[in-house]
């Protein structure tokens, strides 16, 4: 899988704020997952992920730095870009 297309404006915003999309290797076809990570001076921090399942993209944002369940589902979207935007607008902590 390759990362689905996102608009130039979103790609530039991600780059400007040092975010990148990283594919999760080893997932079955049709269940793709991309992680949204922040590059901070040589370290990377996880802000959330978007997962494709049954035709929709589920957005999960990191909302609690500690605890068993750090991420909450923040929505299901038809487009990959909408799911990425939901993670960007919802995360409160990067791990």
Protein backbone atom coordinates (compact mmCIF):
# COMPACT_ATOMS: atom_id res chain seq x y z
CA UNK A 1 0.00 0.00 0.00
CA UNK A 2 1.07 3.55 -0.59
CA UNK A 3 -0.19 6.53 1.36
CA UNK A 4 -3.38 7.79 -0.26
CA UNK A 5 -3.32 11.19 -1.95
CA UNK A 6 -3.84 14.25 0.22
CA UNK A 7 -4.25 17.79 -1.04
CA UNK A 8 -1.24 20.03 -1.51
CA UNK A 9 -2.50 22.33 1.25
CA UNK A 10 -2.70 19.48 3.79
CA UNK A 11 0.68 18.07 2.76
CA UNK A 12 2.28 21.51 3.17
CA UNK A 13 0.62 21.96 6.57
CA UNK A 14 1.90 18.57 7.74
CA UNK A 15 5.42 19.42 6.57
CA UNK A 16 5.35 22.92 8.07
CA UNK A 17 4.42 21.53 11.49
CA UNK A 18 6.87 18.59 11.14
CA UNK A 19 4.21 15.87 10.88
CA UNK A 20 4.51 12.92 8.56
CA UNK A 21 2.42 9.92 7.61
CA UNK A 22 4.05 6.52 8.12
CA UNK A 23 2.56 3.27 6.85
CA UNK A 24 2.23 0.34 9.22
CA UNK A 25 3.88 -2.69 7.63
CA UNK A 26 2.41 -6.16 7.64
CA UNK A 27 -1.31 -5.39 7.69
CA UNK A 28 -3.69 -7.39 5.49
CA UNK A 29 -4.80 -5.94 2.16
CA UNK A 30 -7.90 -3.80 2.64
CA UNK A 31 -7.04 -3.01 6.26
CA UNK A 32 -4.36 -0.39 5.72
CA UNK A 33 -3.11 1.78 8.58
CA UNK A 34 -1.11 5.01 8.47
CA UNK A 35 0.33 6.64 11.59
CA UNK A 36 0.61 10.39 12.07
CA UNK A 37 3.94 11.17 13.72
CA UNK A 38 5.65 14.38 14.80
CA UNK A 39 9.37 14.80 14.21
CA UNK A 40 10.81 16.74 17.13
CA UNK A 41 14.56 17.20 16.98
CA UNK A 42 15.47 13.67 15.96
CA UNK A 43 12.74 12.04 18.04
CA UNK A 44 9.39 10.98 16.66
CA UNK A 45 6.16 11.12 18.61
CA UNK A 46 2.93 9.33 17.77
CA UNK A 47 -0.12 11.63 17.48
CA UNK A 48 -2.61 9.10 16.12
CA UNK A 49 -3.48 6.80 13.26
CA UNK A 50 -6.00 6.28 10.50
CA UNK A 51 -7.11 2.77 9.62
CA UNK A 52 -9.03 1.60 6.56
CA UNK A 53 -11.62 -1.07 7.23
CA UNK A 54 -14.77 -1.99 5.31
CA UNK A 55 -14.66 1.07 3.09
CA UNK A 56 -14.23 3.73 5.78
CA UNK A 57 -11.23 5.41 7.38
CA UNK A 58 -11.31 5.37 11.18
CA UNK A 59 -9.38 8.15 12.92
CA UNK A 60 -7.75 7.54 16.31
CA UNK A 61 -6.08 10.40 18.18
CA UNK A 62 -3.82 10.19 21.23
CA UNK A 63 -5.73 11.92 24.02
CA UNK A 64 -4.14 10.50 27.18
CA UNK A 65 -0.38 10.31 27.68
CA UNK A 66 -0.63 7.58 30.31
CA UNK A 67 -3.04 4.70 30.69
CA UNK A 68 -4.07 1.51 29.08
CA UNK A 69 -6.08 3.15 26.27
CA UNK A 70 -4.17 6.21 25.08
CA UNK A 71 -6.09 6.83 21.87
CA UNK A 72 -9.78 7.41 21.23
CA UNK A 73 -11.64 6.94 17.98
CA UNK A 74 -12.57 10.42 16.82
CA UNK A 75 -14.63 9.49 13.78
CA UNK A 76 -15.14 7.43 10.63
CA UNK A 77 -14.73 9.05 7.25
CA UNK A 78 -15.08 8.19 3.60
CA UNK A 79 -11.90 10.05 2.68
CA UNK A 80 -8.39 9.50 3.98
CA UNK A 81 -7.78 13.25 4.11
CA UNK A 82 -10.81 13.87 6.36
CA UNK A 83 -9.58 11.19 8.75
CA UNK A 84 -6.09 12.74 8.90
CA UNK A 85 -7.63 16.15 9.58
CA UNK A 86 -9.71 14.66 12.41
CA UNK A 87 -6.57 13.30 14.07
CA UNK A 88 -4.81 16.65 13.69
CA UNK A 89 -7.74 18.50 15.26
CA UNK A 90 -8.27 16.00 18.08
CA UNK A 91 -4.95 14.87 19.48
CA UNK A 92 -4.01 16.42 22.80
CA UNK A 93 -0.72 14.71 23.44
CA UNK A 94 2.01 13.07 21.41
CA UNK A 95 3.65 9.94 22.76
